[in-house]
């Protein structure tokens, strides 16, 4: 978790929530494979870009990724 980062050439397979997640500025996420995510929790993503406290415009680039098999699990959320 830091500014000015490149996230690339990763394979994320079988994770409980978000495959790749970031909230910072000047981030590039490219050429990653994320599959079988949200196995324990619901309401996540293969690549999740969260909210940020920055007041200036953010630079975030997500391209050329392969995202497969988002499951979601209702058992990971409170009743109701």
PDB file of N, CA and C in Angstrom:
ATOM      1  N   UNK A   1       0.837  -1.182   0.000  1.00  0.00           N
ATOM      2  CA  UNK A   1       0.000   0.000   0.000  1.00  0.00           C
ATOM      3  C   UNK A   1       0.878   1.240   0.000  1.00  0.00           C
ATOM      4  N   UNK A   2       1.093   1.800  -1.186  1.00  0.00           N
ATOM      5  CA  UNK A   2       1.855   3.052  -1.283  1.00  0.00           C
ATOM      6  C   UNK A   2       1.643   3.660  -2.658  1.00  0.00           C
ATOM      7  N   UNK A   3       1.913   4.941  -2.774  1.00  0.00           N
ATOM      8  CA  UNK A   3       1.789   5.644  -4.040  1.00  0.00           C
ATOM      9  C   UNK A   3       2.866   5.178  -5.026  1.00  0.00           C
ATOM     10  N   UNK A   4       2.636   5.498  -6.300  1.00  0.00           N
ATOM     11  CA  UNK A   4       3.628   5.263  -7.353  1.00  0.00           C
ATOM     12  C   UNK A   4       4.072   3.802  -7.420  1.00  0.00           C
ATOM     13  N   UNK A   5       3.097   2.912  -7.588  1.00  0.00           N
ATOM     14  CA  UNK A   5       3.362   1.479  -7.581  1.00  0.00           C
ATOM     15  C   UNK A   5       2.833   0.836  -8.855  1.00  0.00           C
ATOM     16  N   UNK A   6       3.555  -0.166  -9.344  1.00  0.00           N
ATOM     17  CA  UNK A   6       3.081  -0.990 -10.453  1.00  0.00           C
ATOM     18  C   UNK A   6       2.847  -2.392  -9.904  1.00  0.00           C
ATOM     19  N   UNK A   7       1.627  -2.880 -10.112  1.00  0.00           N
ATOM     20  CA  UNK A   7       1.252  -4.244  -9.712  1.00  0.00           C
ATOM     21  C   UNK A   7       1.099  -5.017 -11.009  1.00  0.00           C
ATOM     22  N   UNK A   8       2.055  -5.908 -11.320  1.00  0.00           N
ATOM     23  CA  UNK A   8       1.967  -6.607 -12.605  1.00  0.00           C
ATOM     24  C   UNK A   8       2.566  -8.002 -12.540  1.00  0.00           C
ATOM     25  N   UNK A   9       2.078  -8.819 -13.473  1.00  0.00           N
ATOM     26  CA  UNK A   9       2.575 -10.177 -13.676  1.00  0.00           C
ATOM     27  C   UNK A   9       2.387 -11.069 -12.453  1.00  0.00           C
ATOM     28  N   UNK A  10       1.272 -10.880 -11.744  1.00  0.00           N
ATOM     29  CA  UNK A  10       0.938 -11.713 -10.591  1.00  0.00           C
ATOM     30  C   UNK A  10      -0.168 -12.687 -10.964  1.00  0.00           C
ATOM     31  N   UNK A  11      -0.157 -13.829 -10.301  1.00  0.00           N
ATOM     32  CA  UNK A  11      -1.267 -14.772 -10.385  1.00  0.00           C
ATOM     33  C   UNK A  11      -1.817 -14.939  -8.978  1.00  0.00           C
ATOM     34  N   UNK A  12      -3.077 -14.606  -8.805  1.00  0.00           N
ATOM     35  CA  UNK A  12      -3.759 -14.761  -7.520  1.00  0.00           C
ATOM     36  C   UNK A  12      -4.858 -15.788  -7.735  1.00  0.00           C
ATOM     37  N   UNK A  13      -4.799 -16.887  -6.994  1.00  0.00           N
ATOM     38  CA  UNK A  13      -5.763 -17.962  -7.182  1.00  0.00           C
ATOM     39  C   UNK A  13      -6.277 -18.425  -5.827  1.00  0.00           C
ATOM     40  N   UNK A  14      -7.597 -18.436  -5.700  1.00  0.00           N
ATOM     41  CA  UNK A  14      -8.279 -18.956  -4.511  1.00  0.00           C
ATOM     42  C   UNK A  14      -7.995 -18.113  -3.266  1.00  0.00           C
ATOM     43  N   UNK A  15      -8.637 -16.962  -3.203  1.00  0.00           N
ATOM     44  CA  UNK A  15      -8.494 -16.097  -2.024  1.00  0.00           C
ATOM     45  C   UNK A  15      -9.878 -15.809  -1.430  1.00  0.00           C
ATOM     46  N   UNK A  16      -9.890 -15.464  -0.160  1.00  0.00           N
ATOM     47  CA  UNK A  16     -11.133 -15.294   0.565  1.00  0.00           C
ATOM     48  C   UNK A  16     -11.903 -14.029   0.234  1.00  0.00           C
ATOM     49  N   UNK A  17     -11.209 -12.996  -0.222  1.00  0.00           N
ATOM     50  CA  UNK A  17     -11.887 -11.725  -0.477  1.00  0.00           C
ATOM     51  C   UNK A  17     -11.332 -11.128  -1.772  1.00  0.00           C
ATOM     52  N   UNK A  18     -10.862  -9.890  -1.746  1.00  0.00           N
ATOM     53  CA  UNK A  18     -10.350  -9.249  -2.950  1.00  0.00           C
ATOM     54  C   UNK A  18      -9.041  -9.894  -3.396  1.00  0.00           C
ATOM     55  N   UNK A  19      -8.905 -10.091  -4.710  1.00  0.00           N
ATOM     56  CA  UNK A  19      -7.660 -10.635  -5.229  1.00  0.00           C
ATOM     57  C   UNK A  19      -6.518  -9.635  -5.126  1.00  0.00           C
ATOM     58  N   UNK A  20      -6.743  -8.440  -5.631  1.00  0.00           N
ATOM     59  CA  UNK A  20      -5.792  -7.321  -5.554  1.00  0.00           C
ATOM     60  C   UNK A  20      -6.601  -6.121  -5.105  1.00  0.00           C
ATOM     61  N   UNK A  21      -6.077  -5.366  -4.157  1.00  0.00           N
ATOM     62  CA  UNK A  21      -6.812  -4.227  -3.608  1.00  0.00           C
ATOM     63  C   UNK A  21      -5.853  -3.070  -3.364  1.00  0.00           C
ATOM     64  N   UNK A  22      -6.271  -1.854  -3.739  1.00  0.00           N
ATOM     65  CA  UNK A  22      -5.447  -0.682  -3.440  1.00  0.00           C
ATOM     66  C   UNK A  22      -6.308   0.570  -3.342  1.00  0.00           C
ATOM     67  N   UNK A  23      -5.789   1.562  -2.639  1.00  0.00           N
ATOM     68  CA  UNK A  23      -6.498   2.832  -2.459  1.00  0.00           C
ATOM     69  C   UNK A  23      -5.612   4.036  -2.742  1.00  0.00           C
ATOM     70  N   UNK A  24      -4.374   3.812  -3.072  1.00  0.00           N
ATOM     71  CA  UNK A  24      -3.418   4.911  -3.170  1.00  0.00           C
ATOM     72  C   UNK A  24      -3.412   5.564  -4.548  1.00  0.00           C
ATOM     73  N   UNK A  25      -2.497   6.496  -4.756  1.00  0.00           N
ATOM     74  CA  UNK A  25      -2.433   7.298  -5.967  1.00  0.00           C
ATOM     75  C   UNK A  25      -1.285   6.824  -6.860  1.00  0.00           C
ATOM     76  N   UNK A  26      -1.439   7.053  -8.146  1.00  0.00           N
ATOM     77  CA  UNK A  26      -0.434   6.696  -9.148  1.00  0.00           C
ATOM     78  C   UNK A  26      -0.138   5.202  -9.112  1.00  0.00           C
ATOM     79  N   UNK A  27      -1.187   4.403  -9.259  1.00  0.00           N
ATOM     80  CA  UNK A  27      -1.086   2.948  -9.251  1.00  0.00           C
ATOM     81  C   UNK A  27      -1.405   2.423 -10.648  1.00  0.00           C
ATOM     82  N   UNK A  28      -0.631   1.462 -11.096  1.00  0.00           N
ATOM     83  CA  UNK A  28      -0.915   0.755 -12.341  1.00  0.00           C
ATOM     84  C   UNK A  28      -1.043  -0.723 -11.994  1.00  0.00           C
ATOM     85  N   UNK A  29      -2.179  -1.333 -12.345  1.00  0.00           N
ATOM     86  CA  UNK A  29      -2.379  -2.771 -12.180  1.00  0.00           C
ATOM     87  C   UNK A  29      -2.566  -3.347 -13.579  1.00  0.00           C
ATOM     88  N   UNK A  30      -1.607  -4.138 -14.025  1.00  0.00           N
ATOM     89  CA  UNK A  30      -1.657  -4.648 -15.396  1.00  0.00           C
ATOM     90  C   UNK A  30      -1.065  -6.059 -15.479  1.00  0.00           C
ATOM     91  N   UNK A  31      -1.569  -6.799 -16.458  1.00  0.00           N
ATOM     92  CA  UNK A  31      -1.044  -8.128 -16.781  1.00  0.00           C
ATOM     93  C   UNK A  31      -1.069  -9.085 -15.592  1.00  0.00           C
ATOM     94  N   UNK A  32      -2.139  -9.025 -14.796  1.00  0.00           N
ATOM     95  CA  UNK A  32      -2.333  -9.938 -13.676  1.00  0.00           C
ATOM     96  C   UNK A  32      -3.431 -10.931 -14.016  1.00  0.00           C
ATOM     97  N   UNK A  33      -3.384 -12.079 -13.375  1.00  0.00           N
ATOM     98  CA  UNK A  33      -4.460 -13.065 -13.474  1.00  0.00           C
ATOM     99  C   UNK A  33      -5.016 -13.260 -12.066  1.00  0.00           C
ATOM    100  N   UNK A  34      -6.309 -13.042 -11.924  1.00  0.00           N
ATOM    101  CA  UNK A  34      -6.975 -13.241 -10.635  1.00  0.00           C
ATOM    102  C   UNK A  34      -8.135 -14.195 -10.873  1.00  0.00           C
ATOM    103  N   UNK A  35      -8.146 -15.295 -10.147  1.00  0.00           N
ATOM    104  CA  UNK A  35      -9.229 -16.262 -10.320  1.00  0.00           C
ATOM    105  C   UNK A  35      -9.621 -16.858  -8.981  1.00  0.00           C
ATOM    106  N   UNK A  36     -10.904 -17.226  -8.887  1.00  0.00           N
ATOM    107  CA  UNK A  36     -11.455 -17.828  -7.666  1.00  0.00           C
ATOM    108  C   UNK A  36     -11.265 -16.916  -6.456  1.00  0.00           C
ATOM    109  N   UNK A  37     -11.923 -15.791  -6.497  1.00  0.00           N
ATOM    110  CA  UNK A  37     -11.849 -14.824  -5.392  1.00  0.00           C
ATOM    111  C   UNK A  37     -13.213 -14.715  -4.714  1.00  0.00           C
ATOM    112  N   UNK A  38     -13.252 -14.079  -3.559  1.00  0.00           N
ATOM    113  CA  UNK A  38     -14.459 -13.962  -2.734  1.00  0.00           C
ATOM    114  C   UNK A  38     -14.986 -15.339  -2.332  1.00  0.00           C
ATOM    115  N   UNK A  39     -14.096 -16.226  -1.931  1.00  0.00           N
ATOM    116  CA  UNK A  39     -14.503 -17.557  -1.504  1.00  0.00           C
ATOM    117  C   UNK A  39     -15.083 -17.559  -0.098  1.00  0.00           C
ATOM    118  N   UNK A  40     -14.696 -16.599   0.748  1.00  0.00           N
ATOM    119  CA  UNK A  40     -15.192 -16.535   2.123  1.00  0.00           C
ATOM    120  C   UNK A  40     -16.151 -15.379   2.367  1.00  0.00           C
ATOM    121  N   UNK A  41     -15.955 -14.283   1.663  1.00  0.00           N
ATOM    122  CA  UNK A  41     -16.772 -13.094   1.878  1.00  0.00           C
ATOM    123  C   UNK A  41     -17.486 -12.716   0.589  1.00  0.00           C
ATOM    124  N   UNK A  42     -18.435 -11.819   0.708  1.00  0.00           N
ATOM    125  CA  UNK A  42     -19.206 -11.336  -0.420  1.00  0.00           C
ATOM    126  C   UNK A  42     -18.847  -9.868  -0.656  1.00  0.00           C
ATOM    127  N   UNK A  43     -19.268  -9.307  -1.763  1.00  0.00           N
ATOM    128  CA  UNK A  43     -19.114  -7.886  -2.065  1.00  0.00           C
ATOM    129  C   UNK A  43     -17.652  -7.481  -2.223  1.00  0.00           C
ATOM    130  N   UNK A  44     -16.881  -8.303  -2.894  1.00  0.00           N
ATOM    131  CA  UNK A  44     -15.490  -7.977  -3.182  1.00  0.00           C
ATOM    132  C   UNK A  44     -15.278  -7.947  -4.686  1.00  0.00           C
ATOM    133  N   UNK A  45     -14.008  -7.997  -5.098  1.00  0.00           N
ATOM    134  CA  UNK A  45     -13.697  -7.922  -6.524  1.00  0.00           C
ATOM    135  C   UNK A  45     -12.376  -8.608  -6.813  1.00  0.00           C
ATOM    136  N   UNK A  46     -12.178  -8.946  -8.071  1.00  0.00           N
ATOM    137  CA  UNK A  46     -10.889  -9.472  -8.494  1.00  0.00           C
ATOM    138  C   UNK A  46      -9.815  -8.412  -8.324  1.00  0.00           C
ATOM    139  N   UNK A  47     -10.111  -7.197  -8.796  1.00  0.00           N
ATOM    140  CA  UNK A  47      -9.258  -6.028  -8.537  1.00  0.00           C
ATOM    141  C   UNK A  47     -10.169  -4.961  -7.956  1.00  0.00           C
ATOM    142  N   UNK A  48      -9.918  -4.596  -6.714  1.00  0.00           N
ATOM    143  CA  UNK A  48     -10.753  -3.629  -5.994  1.00  0.00           C
ATOM    144  C   UNK A  48      -9.979  -2.335  -5.817  1.00  0.00           C
ATOM    145  N   UNK A  49     -10.582  -1.254  -6.245  1.00  0.00           N
ATOM    146  CA  UNK A  49      -9.988   0.073  -6.067  1.00  0.00           C
ATOM    147  C   UNK A  49     -10.842   0.801  -5.045  1.00  0.00           C
ATOM    148  N   UNK A  50     -10.336   0.920  -3.838  1.00  0.00           N
ATOM    149  CA  UNK A  50     -11.111   1.488  -2.742  1.00  0.00           C
ATOM    150  C   UNK A  50     -11.120   3.001  -2.732  1.00  0.00           C
ATOM    151  N   UNK A  51     -11.892   3.522  -1.809  1.00  0.00           N
ATOM    152  CA  UNK A  51     -11.976   4.971  -1.615  1.00  0.00           C
ATOM    153  C   UNK A  51     -10.656   5.497  -1.083  1.00  0.00           C
ATOM    154  N   UNK A  52     -10.448   6.769  -1.254  1.00  0.00           N
ATOM    155  CA  UNK A  52      -9.199   7.387  -0.824  1.00  0.00           C
ATOM    156  C   UNK A  52      -9.482   8.731  -0.187  1.00  0.00           C
ATOM    157  N   UNK A  53      -8.553   9.201   0.618  1.00  0.00           N
ATOM    158  CA  UNK A  53      -8.699  10.505   1.265  1.00  0.00           C
ATOM    159  C   UNK A  53      -8.011  11.608   0.467  1.00  0.00           C
ATOM    160  N   UNK A  54      -7.463  11.286  -0.719  1.00  0.00           N
ATOM    161  CA  UNK A  54      -6.794  12.298  -1.530  1.00  0.00           C
ATOM    162  C   UNK A  54      -7.802  13.337  -2.001  1.00  0.00           C
ATOM    163  N   UNK A  55      -7.375  14.612  -2.037  1.00  0.00           N
ATOM    164  CA  UNK A  55      -8.229  15.678  -2.552  1.00  0.00           C
ATOM    165  C   UNK A  55      -7.885  16.007  -3.997  1.00  0.00           C
ATOM    166  N   UNK A  56      -6.680  15.671  -4.438  1.00  0.00           N
ATOM    167  CA  UNK A  56      -6.276  15.912  -5.822  1.00  0.00           C
ATOM    168  C   UNK A  56      -6.789  14.766  -6.694  1.00  0.00           C
ATOM    169  N   UNK A  57      -6.913  15.000  -8.002  1.00  0.00           N
ATOM    170  CA  UNK A  57      -7.338  13.906  -8.884  1.00  0.00           C
ATOM    171  C   UNK A  57      -6.384  12.717  -8.786  1.00  0.00           C
ATOM    172  N   UNK A  58      -6.933  11.538  -8.776  1.00  0.00           N
ATOM    173  CA  UNK A  58      -6.137  10.319  -8.651  1.00  0.00           C
ATOM    174  C   UNK A  58      -5.769   9.774 -10.028  1.00  0.00           C
ATOM    175  N   UNK A  59      -4.624   9.149 -10.094  1.00  0.00           N
ATOM    176  CA  UNK A  59      -4.204   8.457 -11.305  1.00  0.00           C
ATOM    177  C   UNK A  59      -4.126   6.982 -10.979  1.00  0.00           C
ATOM    178  N   UNK A  60      -5.069   6.224 -11.524  1.00  0.00           N
ATOM    179  CA  UNK A  60      -5.107   4.777 -11.317  1.00  0.00           C
ATOM    180  C   UNK A  60      -5.419   4.129 -12.655  1.00  0.00           C
ATOM    181  N   UNK A  61      -4.593   3.193 -13.056  1.00  0.00           N
ATOM    182  CA  UNK A  61      -4.780   2.527 -14.336  1.00  0.00           C
ATOM    183  C   UNK A  61      -4.886   1.028 -14.098  1.00  0.00           C
ATOM    184  N   UNK A  62      -5.943   0.431 -14.633  1.00  0.00           N
ATOM    185  CA  UNK A  62      -6.138  -1.020 -14.561  1.00  0.00           C
ATOM    186  C   UNK A  62      -6.382  -1.486 -15.987  1.00  0.00           C
ATOM    187  N   UNK A  63      -5.426  -2.264 -16.542  1.00  0.00           N
ATOM    188  CA  UNK A  63      -5.619  -2.746 -17.908  1.00  0.00           C
ATOM    189  C   UNK A  63      -4.888  -4.062 -18.150  1.00  0.00           C
ATOM    190  N   UNK A  64      -5.391  -4.791 -19.135  1.00  0.00           N
ATOM    191  CA  UNK A  64      -4.793  -6.055 -19.570  1.00  0.00           C
ATOM    192  C   UNK A  64      -4.684  -7.086 -18.448  1.00  0.00           C
ATOM    193  N   UNK A  65      -5.708  -7.182 -17.623  1.00  0.00           N
ATOM    194  CA  UNK A  65      -5.785  -8.196 -16.576  1.00  0.00           C
ATOM    195  C   UNK A  65      -6.812  -9.244 -16.971  1.00  0.00           C
ATOM    196  N   UNK A  66      -6.668 -10.434 -16.433  1.00  0.00           N
ATOM    197  CA  UNK A  66      -7.655 -11.494 -16.630  1.00  0.00           C
ATOM    198  C   UNK A  66      -8.276 -11.796 -15.274  1.00  0.00           C
ATOM    199  N   UNK A  67      -9.596 -11.634 -15.179  1.00  0.00           N
ATOM    200  CA  UNK A  67     -10.328 -11.850 -13.928  1.00  0.00           C
ATOM    201  C   UNK A  67     -11.369 -12.934 -14.183  1.00  0.00           C
ATOM    202  N   UNK A  68     -11.315 -14.029 -13.390  1.00  0.00           N
ATOM    203  CA  UNK A  68     -12.200 -15.172 -13.605  1.00  0.00           C
ATOM    204  C   UNK A  68     -12.796 -15.682 -12.300  1.00  0.00           C
ATOM    205  N   UNK A  69     -14.010 -16.187 -12.361  1.00  0.00           N
ATOM    206  CA  UNK A  69     -14.620 -16.989 -11.299  1.00  0.00           C
ATOM    207  C   UNK A  69     -14.740 -16.297  -9.944  1.00  0.00           C
ATOM    208  N   UNK A  70     -15.356 -15.133  -9.923  1.00  0.00           N
ATOM    209  CA  UNK A  70     -15.709 -14.504  -8.651  1.00  0.00           C
ATOM    210  C   UNK A  70     -16.878 -15.253  -8.041  1.00  0.00           C
ATOM    211  N   UNK A  71     -16.720 -15.786  -6.851  1.00  0.00           N
ATOM    212  CA  UNK A  71     -17.723 -16.673  -6.262  1.00  0.00           C
ATOM    213  C   UNK A  71     -18.749 -15.914  -5.419  1.00  0.00           C
ATOM    214  N   UNK A  72     -18.290 -15.240  -4.385  1.00  0.00           N
ATOM    215  CA  UNK A  72     -19.203 -14.641  -3.414  1.00  0.00           C
ATOM    216  C   UNK A  72     -19.710 -15.704  -2.470  1.00  0.00           C
ATOM    217  N   UNK A  73     -19.806 -15.369  -1.203  1.00  0.00           N
ATOM    218  CA  UNK A  73     -20.211 -16.352  -0.209  1.00  0.00           C
ATOM    219  C   UNK A  73     -21.133 -15.673   0.783  1.00  0.00           C
ATOM    220  N   UNK A  74     -22.392 -16.018   0.764  1.00  0.00           N
ATOM    221  CA  UNK A  74     -23.353 -15.398   1.673  1.00  0.00           C
ATOM    222  C   UNK A  74     -23.118 -15.794   3.132  1.00  0.00           C
ATOM    223  N   UNK A  75     -22.389 -16.884   3.372  1.00  0.00           N
ATOM    224  CA  UNK A  75     -22.069 -17.274   4.742  1.00  0.00           C
ATOM    225  C   UNK A  75     -21.102 -16.305   5.396  1.00  0.00           C
ATOM    226  N   UNK A  76     -20.430 -15.467   4.611  1.00  0.00           N
ATOM    227  CA  UNK A  76     -19.467 -14.519   5.164  1.00  0.00           C
ATOM    228  C   UNK A  76     -20.073 -13.186   5.562  1.00  0.00           C
ATOM    229  N   UNK A  77     -21.398 -13.072   5.571  1.00  0.00           N
ATOM    230  CA  UNK A  77     -22.047 -11.815   5.938  1.00  0.00           C
ATOM    231  C   UNK A  77     -23.023 -12.040   7.086  1.00  0.00           C
ATOM    232  N   UNK A  78     -23.293 -10.996   7.854  1.00  0.00           N
ATOM    233  CA  UNK A  78     -24.210 -11.144   9.004  1.00  0.00           C
ATOM    234  C   UNK A  78     -25.627 -11.531   8.554  1.00  0.00           C
ATOM    235  N   UNK A  79     -26.346 -12.172   9.428  1.00  0.00           N
ATOM    236  CA  UNK A  79     -27.729 -12.563   9.148  1.00  0.00           C
ATOM    237  C   UNK A  79     -28.569 -11.316   8.863  1.00  0.00           C
ATOM    238  N   UNK A  80     -29.471 -11.405   7.880  1.00  0.00           N
ATOM    239  CA  UNK A  80     -30.365 -10.293   7.563  1.00  0.00           C
ATOM    240  C   UNK A  80     -29.801  -9.361   6.537  1.00  0.00           C
TER     241      UNK A  80
END
